[in-house]
C-alpha atoms as a PDB file:
ATOM      1  CA  MET A   1     -42.107  22.847 -75.795  1.00  0.00           C
ATOM      2  CA  ALA A   2     -44.872  21.529 -73.575  1.00  0.00           C
ATOM      3  CA  ILE A   3     -47.093  23.444 -71.175  1.00  0.00           C
ATOM      4  CA  LYS A   4     -48.455  22.011 -67.935  1.00  0.00           C
ATOM      5  CA  ARG A   5     -51.528  23.871 -66.703  1.00  0.00           C
ATOM      6  CA  THR A   6     -52.735  23.515 -63.107  1.00  0.00           C
ATOM      7  CA  THR A   7     -55.196  25.431 -60.988  1.00  0.00           C
ATOM      8  CA  LYS A   8     -53.275  27.697 -58.615  1.00  0.00           C
ATOM      9  CA  ALA A   9     -54.024  27.293 -54.924  1.00  0.00           C
ATOM     10  CA  GLY A  10     -53.260  30.368 -52.841  1.00  0.00           C
ATOM     11  CA  GLU A  11     -50.906  33.217 -53.616  1.00  0.00           C
ATOM     12  CA  TYR A  12     -47.615  31.495 -52.835  1.00  0.00           C
ATOM     13  CA  VAL A  13     -45.177  30.097 -55.383  1.00  0.00           C
ATOM     14  CA  SER A  14     -45.911  26.391 -55.830  1.00  0.00           C
ATOM     15  CA  ARG A  15     -43.615  23.720 -54.421  1.00  0.00           C
ATOM     16  CA  GLU A  16     -43.348  22.275 -57.926  1.00  0.00           C
ATOM     17  CA  PHE A  17     -41.936  25.565 -59.204  1.00  0.00           C
ATOM     18  CA  GLU A  18     -39.421  25.704 -56.338  1.00  0.00           C
ATOM     19  CA  VAL A  19     -38.180  22.179 -57.108  1.00  0.00           C
ATOM     20  CA  LEU A  20     -38.012  22.782 -60.868  1.00  0.00           C
ATOM     21  CA  GLU A  21     -36.112  26.029 -60.285  1.00  0.00           C
ATOM     22  CA  LYS A  22     -33.465  24.107 -58.310  1.00  0.00           C
ATOM     23  CA  LEU A  23     -33.166  21.569 -61.148  1.00  0.00           C
ATOM     24  CA  ARG A  24     -32.515  24.157 -63.885  1.00  0.00           C
ATOM     25  CA  ASN A  25     -28.889  23.098 -64.337  1.00  0.00           C
ATOM     26  CA  CYS A  26     -29.398  19.320 -64.202  1.00  0.00           C
ATOM     27  CA  LYS A  27     -28.881  17.816 -67.651  1.00  0.00           C
ATOM     28  CA  ASN A  28     -30.803  14.677 -66.643  1.00  0.00           C
ATOM     29  CA  CYS A  29     -34.039  16.512 -65.811  1.00  0.00           C
ATOM     30  CA  ILE A  30     -36.535  18.066 -68.201  1.00  0.00           C
ATOM     31  CA  GLN A  31     -35.959  21.804 -68.010  1.00  0.00           C
ATOM     32  CA  MET A  32     -38.551  24.348 -66.994  1.00  0.00           C
ATOM     33  CA  LEU A  33     -38.240  27.196 -69.472  1.00  0.00           C
ATOM     34  CA  ASP A  34     -40.788  29.632 -68.071  1.00  0.00           C
ATOM     35  CA  ILE A  35     -43.792  30.046 -65.813  1.00  0.00           C
ATOM     36  CA  TYR A  36     -46.759  32.355 -66.225  1.00  0.00           C
ATOM     37  CA  TYR A  37     -50.252  32.744 -64.840  1.00  0.00           C
ATOM     38  CA  SER A  38     -53.591  33.088 -66.569  1.00  0.00           C
ATOM     39  CA  LYS A  39     -57.254  33.007 -65.579  1.00  0.00           C
ATOM     40  CA  THR A  40     -60.091  30.773 -66.672  1.00  0.00           C
ATOM     41  CA  ASP A  41     -63.405  32.190 -67.877  1.00  0.00           C
ATOM     42  CA  ASP A  42     -64.797  31.750 -64.363  1.00  0.00           C
ATOM     43  CA  GLY A  43     -61.857  33.636 -62.777  1.00  0.00           C
ATOM     44  CA  LYS A  44     -59.748  30.766 -61.416  1.00  0.00           C
ATOM     45  CA  ARG A  45     -56.014  31.413 -61.484  1.00  0.00           C
ATOM     46  CA  ILE A  46     -54.027  28.950 -63.607  1.00  0.00           C
ATOM     47  CA  GLN A  47     -50.303  28.247 -63.276  1.00  0.00           C
ATOM     48  CA  ASN A  48     -48.693  27.460 -66.650  1.00  0.00           C
ATOM     49  CA  ILE A  49     -45.254  25.850 -66.574  1.00  0.00           C
ATOM     50  CA  VAL A  50     -43.423  25.742 -69.890  1.00  0.00           C
ATOM     51  CA  PHE A  51     -41.069  22.782 -70.328  1.00  0.00           C
ATOM     52  CA  GLU A  52     -38.594  21.862 -73.022  1.00  0.00           C
ATOM     53  CA  TYR A  53     -40.046  19.371 -75.486  1.00  0.00           C
ATOM     54  CA  CYS A  54     -39.266  15.692 -75.027  1.00  0.00           C
ATOM     55  CA  SER A  55     -40.375  13.456 -77.882  1.00  0.00           C
ATOM     56  CA  GLN A  56     -40.945  10.410 -75.687  1.00  0.00           C
ATOM     57  CA  ASP A  57     -40.936   9.475 -72.019  1.00  0.00           C
ATOM     58  CA  LEU A  58     -39.961   6.269 -70.259  1.00  0.00           C
ATOM     59  CA  GLU A  59     -43.586   5.185 -69.920  1.00  0.00           C
ATOM     60  CA  GLU A  60     -43.971   5.318 -73.713  1.00  0.00           C
ATOM     61  CA  VAL A  61     -40.773   3.290 -74.186  1.00  0.00           C
ATOM     62  CA  ILE A  62     -42.085   0.594 -71.843  1.00  0.00           C
ATOM     63  CA  LYS A  63     -45.552   0.545 -73.454  1.00  0.00           C
ATOM     64  CA  LYS A  64     -44.052   0.237 -76.937  1.00  0.00           C
ATOM     65  CA  ALA A  65     -41.834  -2.667 -75.862  1.00  0.00           C
ATOM     66  CA  LYS A  66     -44.862  -4.439 -74.333  1.00  0.00           C
ATOM     67  CA  GLU A  67     -47.019  -3.848 -77.424  1.00  0.00           C
ATOM     68  CA  GLU A  68     -44.304  -5.215 -79.696  1.00  0.00           C
ATOM     69  CA  ASN A  69     -43.580  -8.035 -77.231  1.00  0.00           C
ATOM     70  CA  GLN A  70     -39.907  -7.100 -77.421  1.00  0.00           C
ATOM     71  CA  PRO A  71     -37.571  -6.615 -74.465  1.00  0.00           C
ATOM     72  CA  ILE A  72     -35.852  -3.279 -74.043  1.00  0.00           C
ATOM     73  CA  PRO A  73     -32.156  -3.844 -74.861  1.00  0.00           C
ATOM     74  CA  ILE A  74     -29.895  -4.043 -71.783  1.00  0.00           C
ATOM     75  CA  ALA A  75     -27.721  -1.181 -73.065  1.00  0.00           C
ATOM     76  CA  GLU A  76     -30.822   1.046 -73.243  1.00  0.00           C
ATOM     77  CA  ILE A  77     -31.937   0.021 -69.749  1.00  0.00           C
ATOM     78  CA  LYS A  78     -28.474   0.822 -68.402  1.00  0.00           C
ATOM     79  CA  ASP A  79     -28.570   4.234 -70.078  1.00  0.00           C
ATOM     80  CA  TYR A  80     -32.014   5.037 -68.641  1.00  0.00           C
ATOM     81  CA  MET A  81     -30.866   3.921 -65.186  1.00  0.00           C
ATOM     82  CA  ARG A  82     -27.721   6.046 -65.430  1.00  0.00           C
ATOM     83  CA  GLN A  83     -29.813   9.075 -66.357  1.00  0.00           C
ATOM     84  CA  ILE A  84     -32.319   8.455 -63.546  1.00  0.00           C
ATOM     85  CA  LEU A  85     -29.642   7.903 -60.916  1.00  0.00           C
ATOM     86  CA  THR A  86     -27.607  10.919 -62.061  1.00  0.00           C
ATOM     87  CA  GLY A  87     -30.734  13.049 -61.832  1.00  0.00           C
ATOM     88  CA  MET A  88     -31.550  11.680 -58.379  1.00  0.00           C
ATOM     89  CA  ALA A  89     -27.989  12.354 -57.190  1.00  0.00           C
ATOM     90  CA  TYR A  90     -28.327  15.969 -58.384  1.00  0.00           C
ATOM     91  CA  VAL A  91     -31.653  16.364 -56.551  1.00  0.00           C
ATOM     92  CA  HIS A  92     -30.197  15.062 -53.302  1.00  0.00           C
ATOM     93  CA  ALA A  93     -26.816  16.801 -53.452  1.00  0.00           C
END
């Protein structure tokens, strides 16, 4: 899993949490597993969002291809595009 920590502004549930909650059943989106709050040593409230672990993201795939001076295979590009577009369709349904 991975944890994203951000300083909490105000007492309301964050917009990010609301969006991630709506995406819980989308297989083409990284899943939020949990959310909890903590405080820093100086008393600031921190929002901690726990995500499922993903070994690599699209940015890393692109960087690796550039470093190796190798194109990303068309079949892989099509698969990434299918996943992105399926996720976008779920968000906007």
